[in-house]
Amino acid sequence: MKHLIYLSKITLLAFLFLTFSSCSSDDDSAKVDLPTINYSNIVLDATFFEAGNSLTPTINWNGNTGSISLGSPITGLNINTSGTLSWTKDLPIGTHNVEVIVANSSGQIVENITINNPFQGIFTGTYDNSHFFELEFITDGTLLIRAHSVTNPDFATGTWIMDGTTITTDYAYNSGSELSLSGSLVTGANATYSGNWYTGHGTLSDNEGGTFLVILN
Protein backbone atom coordinates (compact mmCIF):
# COMPACT_ATOMS: atom_id res chain seq x y z
CA MET A 1 0.00 0.00 0.00
CA LYS A 2 2.82 2.43 0.84
CA HIS A 3 4.39 1.73 -2.53
CA LEU A 4 1.08 2.49 -4.26
CA ILE A 5 0.72 5.77 -2.38
CA TYR A 6 4.31 6.66 -3.22
CA LEU A 7 3.78 5.87 -6.90
CA SER A 8 0.56 7.90 -6.90
CA LYS A 9 2.43 10.91 -5.53
CA ILE A 10 5.08 10.53 -8.21
CA THR A 11 2.40 10.24 -10.88
CA LEU A 12 0.64 13.34 -9.56
CA LEU A 13 3.86 15.33 -9.47
CA ALA A 14 4.71 14.24 -13.00
CA PHE A 15 1.25 15.23 -14.17
CA LEU A 16 1.51 18.65 -12.55
CA PHE A 17 4.96 19.16 -14.00
CA LEU A 18 3.81 18.27 -17.52
CA THR A 19 0.73 20.46 -17.18
CA PHE A 20 2.77 23.44 -15.97
CA SER A 21 5.36 22.90 -18.69
CA SER A 22 2.63 22.71 -21.31
CA CYS A 23 0.96 25.94 -20.08
CA SER A 24 4.31 27.70 -19.89
CA SER A 25 5.14 26.52 -23.38
CA ASP A 26 1.76 27.76 -24.64
CA ASP A 27 2.32 31.16 -22.98
CA ASP A 28 5.78 31.46 -24.49
CA SER A 29 4.41 30.46 -27.88
CA ALA A 30 1.66 33.07 -27.61
CA LYS A 31 4.22 35.73 -26.75
CA VAL A 32 6.36 34.73 -29.72
CA ASP A 33 3.34 35.00 -32.02
CA LEU A 34 2.54 38.59 -30.99
CA PRO A 35 3.22 41.18 -33.70
CA THR A 36 5.98 43.75 -33.36
CA ILE A 37 6.19 47.29 -34.74
CA ASN A 38 9.10 49.70 -34.93
CA TYR A 39 8.94 53.38 -35.89
CA SER A 40 12.20 55.11 -36.79
CA ASN A 41 11.08 58.05 -34.63
CA ILE A 42 8.50 57.97 -31.85
CA VAL A 43 8.50 61.77 -31.39
CA LEU A 44 7.10 63.60 -34.41
CA ASP A 45 7.05 67.36 -35.05
CA ALA A 46 4.10 68.73 -37.00
CA THR A 47 3.80 72.21 -38.49
CA PHE A 48 0.72 74.21 -37.49
CA PHE A 49 -2.08 74.10 -40.09
CA GLU A 50 -0.13 71.84 -42.44
CA ALA A 51 -0.67 68.19 -43.37
CA GLY A 52 2.08 65.73 -42.55
CA ASN A 53 2.91 62.10 -41.88
CA SER A 54 5.26 59.70 -40.19
CA LEU A 55 7.57 57.30 -41.97
CA THR A 56 6.20 53.81 -42.52
CA PRO A 57 7.19 51.57 -39.59
CA THR A 58 8.61 48.06 -39.77
CA ILE A 59 5.95 45.50 -38.78
CA ASN A 60 6.50 41.81 -38.11
CA TRP A 61 3.19 39.97 -37.92
CA ASN A 62 4.95 36.69 -37.04
CA GLY A 63 2.93 34.94 -39.70
CA ASN A 64 -0.39 36.03 -38.28
CA THR A 65 -1.57 39.25 -39.99
CA GLY A 66 -4.01 41.33 -37.95
CA SER A 67 -5.06 44.96 -37.63
CA ILE A 68 -3.68 48.40 -36.77
CA SER A 69 -5.71 51.10 -35.04
CA LEU A 70 -5.48 54.17 -32.81
CA GLY A 71 -6.22 53.83 -29.12
CA SER A 72 -8.44 56.91 -29.19
CA PRO A 73 -9.51 59.28 -32.00
CA ILE A 74 -7.72 62.60 -32.51
CA THR A 75 -9.15 65.20 -34.89
CA GLY A 76 -7.30 65.18 -38.19
CA LEU A 77 -5.16 62.11 -37.35
CA ASN A 78 -5.36 58.79 -39.21
CA ILE A 79 -3.40 55.56 -39.53
CA ASN A 80 -3.31 53.22 -42.53
CA THR A 81 -2.86 49.45 -42.74
CA SER A 82 0.92 49.89 -43.05
CA GLY A 83 1.07 51.78 -39.75
CA THR A 84 1.82 55.17 -41.31
CA LEU A 85 0.39 58.05 -39.27
CA SER A 86 -0.94 60.99 -41.27
CA TRP A 87 -2.58 64.21 -40.20
CA THR A 88 -4.44 67.04 -41.86
CA LYS A 89 -4.22 70.78 -41.19
CA ASP A 90 -7.04 70.24 -38.67
CA LEU A 91 -4.74 68.53 -36.16
CA PRO A 92 -5.25 70.52 -32.93
CA ILE A 93 -2.49 72.66 -31.47
CA GLY A 94 -0.54 71.01 -28.66
CA THR A 95 1.19 67.76 -27.75
CA HIS A 96 -0.64 64.56 -28.63
CA ASN A 97 0.13 61.22 -27.00
CA VAL A 98 -0.90 58.62 -29.56
CA GLU A 99 -1.43 54.91 -28.89
CA VAL A 100 -0.90 52.70 -31.93
CA ILE A 101 -2.49 49.30 -31.32
CA VAL A 102 -1.21 46.36 -33.36
CA ALA A 103 -3.25 43.18 -32.87
CA ASN A 104 -3.54 39.65 -34.20
CA SER A 105 -5.19 36.47 -32.91
CA SER A 106 -2.41 35.99 -30.35
CA GLY A 107 -3.04 39.36 -28.71
CA GLN A 108 -1.99 42.98 -29.11
CA ILE A 109 0.84 45.37 -28.41
CA VAL A 110 0.71 49.16 -27.93
CA GLU A 111 3.30 51.56 -29.32
CA ASN A 112 3.28 55.10 -27.88
CA ILE A 113 3.96 57.97 -30.28
CA THR A 114 4.18 61.69 -29.45
CA ILE A 115 3.15 64.31 -32.01
CA ASN A 116 4.06 67.92 -31.20
CA ASN A 117 2.02 70.56 -33.03
CA PRO A 118 2.98 73.97 -31.60
CA PHE A 119 1.40 77.21 -32.74
CA GLN A 120 3.61 79.05 -35.22
CA GLY A 121 3.56 80.77 -38.58
CA ILE A 122 3.58 84.05 -40.48
CA PHE A 123 0.25 85.90 -40.60
CA THR A 124 -0.19 88.79 -43.04
CA GLY A 125 -2.97 91.36 -43.31
CA THR A 126 -3.82 94.86 -42.15
CA TYR A 127 -4.54 96.96 -39.10
CA ASP A 128 -7.30 99.55 -39.20
CA ASN A 129 -8.39 97.95 -42.49
CA SER A 130 -5.65 99.63 -44.49
CA HIS A 131 -2.12 99.52 -43.11
CA PHE A 132 0.21 96.58 -43.81
CA PHE A 133 0.62 94.30 -40.79
CA GLU A 134 2.59 91.04 -40.59
CA LEU A 135 3.11 88.89 -37.49
CA GLU A 136 5.55 86.02 -37.23
CA PHE A 137 4.77 83.73 -34.29
CA ILE A 138 7.71 81.61 -33.16
CA THR A 139 7.27 78.41 -31.12
CA ASP A 140 9.36 79.72 -28.21
CA GLY A 141 6.73 82.39 -27.47
CA THR A 142 8.47 85.27 -29.20
CA LEU A 143 7.06 87.45 -31.95
CA LEU A 144 8.42 89.42 -34.91
CA ILE A 145 6.35 92.20 -36.48
CA ARG A 146 6.66 94.08 -39.76
CA ALA A 147 4.20 96.93 -40.22
CA HIS A 148 3.07 100.06 -42.05
CA SER A 149 4.86 99.43 -45.38
CA VAL A 150 5.44 96.25 -47.39
CA THR A 151 8.63 97.49 -49.04
CA ASN A 152 10.07 99.46 -46.12
CA PRO A 153 8.44 98.11 -42.95
CA ASP A 154 8.92 99.18 -39.37
CA PHE A 155 10.15 96.30 -37.23
CA ALA A 156 9.02 95.25 -33.77
CA THR A 157 9.69 92.34 -31.44
CA GLY A 158 7.61 90.95 -28.62
CA THR A 159 6.09 87.96 -26.89
CA TRP A 160 2.80 86.09 -27.21
CA ILE A 161 0.60 83.92 -24.98
CA MET A 162 -2.22 81.63 -26.07
CA ASP A 163 -5.18 80.75 -23.86
CA GLY A 164 -7.58 78.51 -25.75
CA THR A 165 -8.16 80.39 -29.00
CA THR A 166 -7.27 83.80 -27.53
CA ILE A 167 -3.81 85.17 -28.27
CA THR A 168 -2.39 88.24 -26.52
CA THR A 169 0.87 89.95 -27.35
CA ASP A 170 3.11 92.69 -26.04
CA TYR A 171 5.63 94.21 -28.45
CA ALA A 172 7.80 97.24 -29.05
CA TYR A 173 9.06 98.92 -32.22
CA ASN A 174 12.70 99.81 -32.72
CA SER A 175 11.66 103.42 -32.15
CA GLY A 176 10.65 102.45 -28.61
CA SER A 177 6.86 102.71 -28.89
CA GLU A 178 5.06 99.90 -27.05
CA LEU A 179 1.81 98.26 -28.17
CA SER A 180 -0.21 95.12 -27.57
CA LEU A 181 -2.78 92.91 -29.28
CA SER A 182 -5.66 90.75 -28.15
CA GLY A 183 -7.56 88.59 -30.60
CA SER A 184 -8.96 85.20 -31.54
CA LEU A 185 -7.46 82.47 -33.68
CA VAL A 186 -10.04 80.91 -36.00
CA THR A 187 -9.27 77.89 -38.20
CA GLY A 188 -11.35 76.70 -41.12
CA ALA A 189 -10.53 77.09 -44.79
CA ASN A 190 -7.82 79.48 -43.52
CA ALA A 191 -6.24 80.29 -40.18
CA THR A 192 -7.03 83.88 -39.17
CA TYR A 193 -6.07 85.99 -36.18
CA SER A 194 -8.14 89.12 -35.56
CA GLY A 195 -9.00 91.48 -32.75
CA ASN A 196 -7.92 94.84 -31.33
CA TRP A 197 -4.62 96.62 -30.93
CA TYR A 198 -3.75 98.82 -27.94
CA THR A 199 -1.19 101.48 -27.09
CA GLY A 200 1.09 100.33 -24.30
CA HIS A 201 1.50 96.79 -22.98
CA GLY A 202 -1.21 94.81 -21.26
CA THR A 203 -4.16 95.32 -23.68
CA LEU A 204 -5.84 97.80 -21.33
CA SER A 205 -9.37 98.65 -22.49
CA ASP A 206 -8.80 102.39 -22.09
CA ASN A 207 -5.89 102.16 -24.54
CA GLU A 208 -7.74 100.50 -27.40
CA GLY A 209 -6.54 101.98 -30.68
CA GLY A 210 -8.18 100.00 -33.49
CA THR A 211 -8.60 96.62 -35.12
CA PHE A 212 -6.45 94.17 -37.06
CA LEU A 213 -6.94 91.09 -39.24
CA VAL A 214 -4.15 88.80 -40.41
CA ILE A 215 -4.22 85.44 -42.24
CA LEU A 216 -1.68 82.60 -42.14
CA ASN A 217 0.48 82.62 -45.29
C-alpha atoms as a PDB file:
ATOM      1  CA  MET A   1       0.000   0.000   0.000  1.00  0.00           C
ATOM      2  CA  LYS A   2       2.819   2.428   0.840  1.00  0.00           C
ATOM      3  CA  HIS A   3       4.386   1.730  -2.530  1.00  0.00           C
ATOM      4  CA  LEU A   4       1.077   2.488  -4.260  1.00  0.00           C
ATOM      5  CA  ILE A   5       0.720   5.767  -2.381  1.00  0.00           C
ATOM      6  CA  TYR A   6       4.314   6.664  -3.222  1.00  0.00           C
ATOM      7  CA  LEU A   7       3.778   5.870  -6.895  1.00  0.00           C
ATOM      8  CA  SER A   8       0.562   7.898  -6.902  1.00  0.00           C
ATOM      9  CA  LYS A   9       2.430  10.910  -5.528  1.00  0.00           C
ATOM     10  CA  ILE A  10       5.079  10.527  -8.214  1.00  0.00           C
ATOM     11  CA  THR A  11       2.400  10.235 -10.875  1.00  0.00           C
ATOM     12  CA  LEU A  12       0.641  13.341  -9.557  1.00  0.00           C
ATOM     13  CA  LEU A  13       3.855  15.334  -9.471  1.00  0.00           C
ATOM     14  CA  ALA A  14       4.712  14.243 -12.996  1.00  0.00           C
ATOM     15  CA  PHE A  15       1.246  15.230 -14.167  1.00  0.00           C
ATOM     16  CA  LEU A  16       1.509  18.654 -12.546  1.00  0.00           C
ATOM     17  CA  PHE A  17       4.963  19.162 -13.999  1.00  0.00           C
ATOM     18  CA  LEU A  18       3.807  18.272 -17.516  1.00  0.00           C
ATOM     19  CA  THR A  19       0.728  20.459 -17.183  1.00  0.00           C
ATOM     20  CA  PHE A  20       2.769  23.440 -15.969  1.00  0.00           C
ATOM     21  CA  SER A  21       5.359  22.896 -18.689  1.00  0.00           C
ATOM     22  CA  SER A  22       2.631  22.710 -21.314  1.00  0.00           C
ATOM     23  CA  CYS A  23       0.963  25.940 -20.080  1.00  0.00           C
ATOM     24  CA  SER A  24       4.309  27.698 -19.887  1.00  0.00           C
ATOM     25  CA  SER A  25       5.142  26.524 -23.380  1.00  0.00           C
ATOM     26  CA  ASP A  26       1.758  27.759 -24.640  1.00  0.00           C
ATOM     27  CA  ASP A  27       2.323  31.162 -22.978  1.00  0.00           C
ATOM     28  CA  ASP A  28       5.781  31.457 -24.493  1.00  0.00           C
ATOM     29  CA  SER A  29       4.407  30.460 -27.879  1.00  0.00           C
ATOM     30  CA  ALA A  30       1.659  33.074 -27.609  1.00  0.00           C
ATOM     31  CA  LYS A  31       4.222  35.730 -26.748  1.00  0.00           C
ATOM     32  CA  VAL A  32       6.364  34.731 -29.718  1.00  0.00           C
ATOM     33  CA  ASP A  33       3.343  34.998 -32.019  1.00  0.00           C
ATOM     34  CA  LEU A  34       2.537  38.586 -30.992  1.00  0.00           C
ATOM     35  CA  PRO A  35       3.219  41.183 -33.697  1.00  0.00           C
ATOM     36  CA  THR A  36       5.975  43.746 -33.359  1.00  0.00           C
ATOM     37  CA  ILE A  37       6.187  47.290 -34.736  1.00  0.00           C
ATOM     38  CA  ASN A  38       9.099  49.701 -34.925  1.00  0.00           C
ATOM     39  CA  TYR A  39       8.943  53.381 -35.892  1.00  0.00           C
ATOM     40  CA  SER A  40      12.204  55.114 -36.791  1.00  0.00           C
ATOM     41  CA  ASN A  41      11.080  58.053 -34.628  1.00  0.00           C
ATOM     42  CA  ILE A  42       8.496  57.968 -31.846  1.00  0.00           C
ATOM     43  CA  VAL A  43       8.498  61.770 -31.387  1.00  0.00           C
ATOM     44  CA  LEU A  44       7.103  63.604 -34.412  1.00  0.00           C
ATOM     45  CA  ASP A  45       7.046  67.356 -35.051  1.00  0.00           C
ATOM     46  CA  ALA A  46       4.100  68.729 -37.003  1.00  0.00           C
ATOM     47  CA  THR A  47       3.797  72.211 -38.487  1.00  0.00           C
ATOM     48  CA  PHE A  48       0.719  74.205 -37.491  1.00  0.00           C
ATOM     49  CA  PHE A  49      -2.081  74.097 -40.085  1.00  0.00           C
ATOM     50  CA  GLU A  50      -0.126  71.837 -42.436  1.00  0.00           C
ATOM     51  CA  ALA A  51      -0.670  68.194 -43.368  1.00  0.00           C
ATOM     52  CA  GLY A  52       2.082  65.729 -42.551  1.00  0.00           C
ATOM     53  CA  ASN A  53       2.907  62.103 -41.885  1.00  0.00           C
ATOM     54  CA  SER A  54       5.263  59.704 -40.188  1.00  0.00           C
ATOM     55  CA  LEU A  55       7.573  57.301 -41.975  1.00  0.00           C
ATOM     56  CA  THR A  56       6.200  53.809 -42.518  1.00  0.00           C
ATOM     57  CA  PRO A  57       7.185  51.569 -39.591  1.00  0.00           C
ATOM     58  CA  THR A  58       8.606  48.058 -39.767  1.00  0.00           C
ATOM     59  CA  ILE A  59       5.949  45.504 -38.780  1.00  0.00           C
ATOM     60  CA  ASN A  60       6.497  41.807 -38.107  1.00  0.00           C
ATOM     61  CA  TRP A  61       3.185  39.972 -37.921  1.00  0.00           C
ATOM     62  CA  ASN A  62       4.953  36.690 -37.038  1.00  0.00           C
ATOM     63  CA  GLY A  63       2.934  34.937 -39.702  1.00  0.00           C
ATOM     64  CA  ASN A  64      -0.393  36.033 -38.282  1.00  0.00           C
ATOM     65  CA  THR A  65      -1.570  39.247 -39.986  1.00  0.00           C
ATOM     66  CA  GLY A  66      -4.010  41.329 -37.950  1.00  0.00           C
ATOM     67  CA  SER A  67      -5.063  44.960 -37.633  1.00  0.00           C
ATOM     68  CA  ILE A  68      -3.679  48.396 -36.765  1.00  0.00           C
ATOM     69  CA  SER A  69      -5.710  51.099 -35.038  1.00  0.00           C
ATOM     70  CA  LEU A  70      -5.481  54.173 -32.811  1.00  0.00           C
ATOM     71  CA  GLY A  71      -6.216  53.830 -29.115  1.00  0.00           C
ATOM     72  CA  SER A  72      -8.440  56.914 -29.193  1.00  0.00           C
ATOM     73  CA  PRO A  73      -9.505  59.280 -32.004  1.00  0.00           C
ATOM     74  CA  ILE A  74      -7.722  62.601 -32.513  1.00  0.00           C
ATOM     75  CA  THR A  75      -9.152  65.200 -34.885  1.00  0.00           C
ATOM     76  CA  GLY A  76      -7.296  65.176 -38.192  1.00  0.00           C
ATOM     77  CA  LEU A  77      -5.157  62.109 -37.350  1.00  0.00           C
ATOM     78  CA  ASN A  78      -5.359  58.790 -39.210  1.00  0.00           C
ATOM     79  CA  ILE A  79      -3.398  55.555 -39.527  1.00  0.00           C
ATOM     80  CA  ASN A  80      -3.305  53.220 -42.532  1.00  0.00           C
ATOM     81  CA  THR A  81      -2.861  49.451 -42.737  1.00  0.00           C
ATOM     82  CA  SER A  82       0.917  49.890 -43.046  1.00  0.00           C
ATOM     83  CA  GLY A  83       1.074  51.778 -39.750  1.00  0.00           C
ATOM     84  CA  THR A  84       1.818  55.172 -41.306  1.00  0.00           C
ATOM     85  CA  LEU A  85       0.386  58.047 -39.274  1.00  0.00           C
ATOM     86  CA  SER A  86      -0.937  60.989 -41.271  1.00  0.00           C
ATOM     87  CA  TRP A  87      -2.580  64.213 -40.200  1.00  0.00           C
ATOM     88  CA  THR A  88      -4.437  67.038 -41.865  1.00  0.00           C
ATOM     89  CA  LYS A  89      -4.220  70.777 -41.191  1.00  0.00           C
ATOM     90  CA  ASP A  90      -7.040  70.244 -38.667  1.00  0.00           C
ATOM     91  CA  LEU A  91      -4.741  68.526 -36.162  1.00  0.00           C
ATOM     92  CA  PRO A  92      -5.248  70.524 -32.932  1.00  0.00           C
ATOM     93  CA  ILE A  93      -2.490  72.658 -31.468  1.00  0.00           C
ATOM     94  CA  GLY A  94      -0.544  71.007 -28.663  1.00  0.00           C
ATOM     95  CA  THR A  95       1.188  67.760 -27.746  1.00  0.00           C
ATOM     96  CA  HIS A  96      -0.645  64.562 -28.626  1.00  0.00           C
ATOM     97  CA  ASN A  97       0.127  61.216 -27.005  1.00  0.00           C
ATOM     98  CA  VAL A  98      -0.902  58.617 -29.562  1.00  0.00           C
ATOM     99  CA  GLU A  99      -1.431  54.906 -28.890  1.00  0.00           C
ATOM    100  CA  VAL A 100      -0.896  52.704 -31.927  1.00  0.00           C
ATOM    101  CA  ILE A 101      -2.494  49.302 -31.323  1.00  0.00           C
ATOM    102  CA  VAL A 102      -1.214  46.362 -33.361  1.00  0.00           C
ATOM    103  CA  ALA A 103      -3.246  43.178 -32.874  1.00  0.00           C
ATOM    104  CA  ASN A 104      -3.536  39.652 -34.198  1.00  0.00           C
ATOM    105  CA  SER A 105      -5.194  36.469 -32.910  1.00  0.00           C
ATOM    106  CA  SER A 106      -2.410  35.990 -30.346  1.00  0.00           C
ATOM    107  CA  GLY A 107      -3.043  39.364 -28.706  1.00  0.00           C
ATOM    108  CA  GLN A 108      -1.991  42.983 -29.110  1.00  0.00           C
ATOM    109  CA  ILE A 109       0.836  45.375 -28.406  1.00  0.00           C
ATOM    110  CA  VAL A 110       0.714  49.157 -27.931  1.00  0.00           C
ATOM    111  CA  GLU A 111       3.304  51.558 -29.320  1.00  0.00           C
ATOM    112  CA  ASN A 112       3.281  55.095 -27.879  1.00  0.00           C
ATOM    113  CA  ILE A 113       3.964  57.973 -30.279  1.00  0.00           C
ATOM    114  CA  THR A 114       4.178  61.695 -29.454  1.00  0.00           C
ATOM    115  CA  ILE A 115       3.150  64.315 -32.006  1.00  0.00           C
ATOM    116  CA  ASN A 116       4.061  67.922 -31.200  1.00  0.00           C
ATOM    117  CA  ASN A 117       2.021  70.560 -33.032  1.00  0.00           C
ATOM    118  CA  PRO A 118       2.979  73.972 -31.595  1.00  0.00           C
ATOM    119  CA  PHE A 119       1.397  77.212 -32.740  1.00  0.00           C
ATOM    120  CA  GLN A 120       3.612  79.047 -35.223  1.00  0.00           C
ATOM    121  CA  GLY A 121       3.560  80.772 -38.583  1.00  0.00           C
ATOM    122  CA  ILE A 122       3.582  84.049 -40.482  1.00  0.00           C
ATOM    123  CA  PHE A 123       0.249  85.898 -40.604  1.00  0.00           C
ATOM    124  CA  THR A 124      -0.187  88.789 -43.038  1.00  0.00           C
ATOM    125  CA  GLY A 125      -2.973  91.359 -43.314  1.00  0.00           C
ATOM    126  CA  THR A 126      -3.817  94.859 -42.149  1.00  0.00           C
ATOM    127  CA  TYR A 127      -4.543  96.963 -39.097  1.00  0.00           C
ATOM    128  CA  ASP A 128      -7.298  99.552 -39.204  1.00  0.00           C
ATOM    129  CA  ASN A 129      -8.393  97.950 -42.486  1.00  0.00           C
ATOM    130  CA  SER A 130      -5.654  99.630 -44.494  1.00  0.00           C
ATOM    131  CA  HIS A 131      -2.116  99.518 -43.110  1.00  0.00           C
ATOM    132  CA  PHE A 132       0.206  96.580 -43.811  1.00  0.00           C
ATOM    133  CA  PHE A 133       0.619  94.296 -40.787  1.00  0.00           C
ATOM    134  CA  GLU A 134       2.590  91.044 -40.586  1.00  0.00           C
ATOM    135  CA  LEU A 135       3.110  88.894 -37.490  1.00  0.00           C
ATOM    136  CA  GLU A 136       5.552  86.015 -37.232  1.00  0.00           C
ATOM    137  CA  PHE A 137       4.772  83.728 -34.294  1.00  0.00           C
ATOM    138  CA  ILE A 138       7.714  81.608 -33.160  1.00  0.00           C
ATOM    139  CA  THR A 139       7.270  78.411 -31.121  1.00  0.00           C
ATOM    140  CA  ASP A 140       9.363  79.717 -28.213  1.00  0.00           C
ATOM    141  CA  GLY A 141       6.729  82.387 -27.475  1.00  0.00           C
ATOM    142  CA  THR A 142       8.473  85.268 -29.197  1.00  0.00           C
ATOM    143  CA  LEU A 143       7.062  87.452 -31.953  1.00  0.00           C
ATOM    144  CA  LEU A 144       8.424  89.425 -34.906  1.00  0.00           C
ATOM    145  CA  ILE A 145       6.348  92.203 -36.480  1.00  0.00           C
ATOM    146  CA  ARG A 146       6.662  94.082 -39.758  1.00  0.00           C
ATOM    147  CA  ALA A 147       4.201  96.928 -40.218  1.00  0.00           C
ATOM    148  CA  HIS A 148       3.072 100.063 -42.052  1.00  0.00           C
ATOM    149  CA  SER A 149       4.862  99.428 -45.384  1.00  0.00           C
ATOM    150  CA  VAL A 150       5.440  96.249 -47.388  1.00  0.00           C
ATOM    151  CA  THR A 151       8.634  97.487 -49.036  1.00  0.00           C
ATOM    152  CA  ASN A 152      10.067  99.459 -46.120  1.00  0.00           C
ATOM    153  CA  PRO A 153       8.439  98.105 -42.954  1.00  0.00           C
ATOM    154  CA  ASP A 154       8.918  99.185 -39.373  1.00  0.00           C
ATOM    155  CA  PHE A 155      10.151  96.298 -37.228  1.00  0.00           C
ATOM    156  CA  ALA A 156       9.022  95.250 -33.769  1.00  0.00           C
ATOM    157  CA  THR A 157       9.692  92.343 -31.436  1.00  0.00           C
ATOM    158  CA  GLY A 158       7.610  90.949 -28.621  1.00  0.00           C
ATOM    159  CA  THR A 159       6.092  87.957 -26.886  1.00  0.00           C
ATOM    160  CA  TRP A 160       2.799  86.086 -27.215  1.00  0.00           C
ATOM    161  CA  ILE A 161       0.604  83.925 -24.982  1.00  0.00           C
ATOM    162  CA  MET A 162      -2.215  81.626 -26.069  1.00  0.00           C
ATOM    163  CA  ASP A 163      -5.177  80.751 -23.857  1.00  0.00           C
ATOM    164  CA  GLY A 164      -7.577  78.514 -25.748  1.00  0.00           C
ATOM    165  CA  THR A 165      -8.164  80.391 -29.005  1.00  0.00           C
ATOM    166  CA  THR A 166      -7.271  83.801 -27.533  1.00  0.00           C
ATOM    167  CA  ILE A 167      -3.806  85.175 -28.267  1.00  0.00           C
ATOM    168  CA  THR A 168      -2.395  88.239 -26.518  1.00  0.00           C
ATOM    169  CA  THR A 169       0.871  89.951 -27.354  1.00  0.00           C
ATOM    170  CA  ASP A 170       3.113  92.691 -26.042  1.00  0.00           C
ATOM    171  CA  TYR A 171       5.629  94.206 -28.454  1.00  0.00           C
ATOM    172  CA  ALA A 172       7.799  97.242 -29.053  1.00  0.00           C
ATOM    173  CA  TYR A 173       9.057  98.915 -32.220  1.00  0.00           C
ATOM    174  CA  ASN A 174      12.705  99.809 -32.720  1.00  0.00           C
ATOM    175  CA  SER A 175      11.658 103.418 -32.151  1.00  0.00           C
ATOM    176  CA  GLY A 176      10.653 102.452 -28.605  1.00  0.00           C
ATOM    177  CA  SER A 177       6.860 102.715 -28.889  1.00  0.00           C
ATOM    178  CA  GLU A 178       5.057  99.905 -27.053  1.00  0.00           C
ATOM    179  CA  LEU A 179       1.813  98.257 -28.172  1.00  0.00           C
ATOM    180  CA  SER A 180      -0.206  95.117 -27.575  1.00  0.00           C
ATOM    181  CA  LEU A 181      -2.782  92.905 -29.279  1.00  0.00           C
ATOM    182  CA  SER A 182      -5.663  90.754 -28.150  1.00  0.00           C
ATOM    183  CA  GLY A 183      -7.562  88.590 -30.599  1.00  0.00           C
ATOM    184  CA  SER A 184      -8.957  85.197 -31.537  1.00  0.00           C
ATOM    185  CA  LEU A 185      -7.461  82.472 -33.684  1.00  0.00           C
ATOM    186  CA  VAL A 186     -10.037  80.906 -36.000  1.00  0.00           C
ATOM    187  CA  THR A 187      -9.275  77.893 -38.200  1.00  0.00           C
ATOM    188  CA  GLY A 188     -11.345  76.697 -41.116  1.00  0.00           C
ATOM    189  CA  ALA A 189     -10.534  77.090 -44.791  1.00  0.00           C
ATOM    190  CA  ASN A 190      -7.821  79.481 -43.519  1.00  0.00           C
ATOM    191  CA  ALA A 191      -6.243  80.294 -40.177  1.00  0.00           C
ATOM    192  CA  THR A 192      -7.026  83.878 -39.168  1.00  0.00           C
ATOM    193  CA  TYR A 193      -6.072  85.986 -36.180  1.00  0.00           C
ATOM    194  CA  SER A 194      -8.135  89.115 -35.564  1.00  0.00           C
ATOM    195  CA  GLY A 195      -8.999  91.483 -32.747  1.00  0.00           C
ATOM    196  CA  ASN A 196      -7.924  94.841 -31.330  1.00  0.00           C
ATOM    197  CA  TRP A 197      -4.625  96.620 -30.933  1.00  0.00           C
ATOM    198  CA  TYR A 198      -3.748  98.822 -27.945  1.00  0.00           C
ATOM    199  CA  THR A 199      -1.195 101.480 -27.087  1.00  0.00           C
ATOM    200  CA  GLY A 200       1.088 100.328 -24.301  1.00  0.00           C
ATOM    201  CA  HIS A 201       1.503  96.788 -22.985  1.00  0.00           C
ATOM    202  CA  GLY A 202      -1.214  94.811 -21.259  1.00  0.00           C
ATOM    203  CA  THR A 203      -4.156  95.321 -23.677  1.00  0.00           C
ATOM    204  CA  LEU A 204      -5.836  97.802 -21.333  1.00  0.00           C
ATOM    205  CA  SER A 205      -9.366  98.651 -22.494  1.00  0.00           C
ATOM    206  CA  ASP A 206      -8.796 102.390 -22.085  1.00  0.00           C
ATOM    207  CA  ASN A 207      -5.887 102.156 -24.542  1.00  0.00           C
ATOM    208  CA  GLU A 208      -7.737 100.499 -27.396  1.00  0.00           C
ATOM    209  CA  GLY A 209      -6.543 101.980 -30.677  1.00  0.00           C
ATOM    210  CA  GLY A 210      -8.179 100.002 -33.487  1.00  0.00           C
ATOM    211  CA  THR A 211      -8.599  96.615 -35.121  1.00  0.00           C
ATOM    212  CA  PHE A 212      -6.452  94.170 -37.059  1.00  0.00           C
ATOM    213  CA  LEU A 213      -6.939  91.089 -39.236  1.00  0.00           C
ATOM    214  CA  VAL A 214      -4.150  88.797 -40.413  1.00  0.00           C
ATOM    215  CA  ILE A 215      -4.222  85.443 -42.244  1.00  0.00           C
ATOM    216  CA  LEU A 216      -1.684  82.603 -42.142  1.00  0.00           C
ATOM    217  CA  ASN A 217       0.476  82.616 -45.291  1.00  0.00           C
END
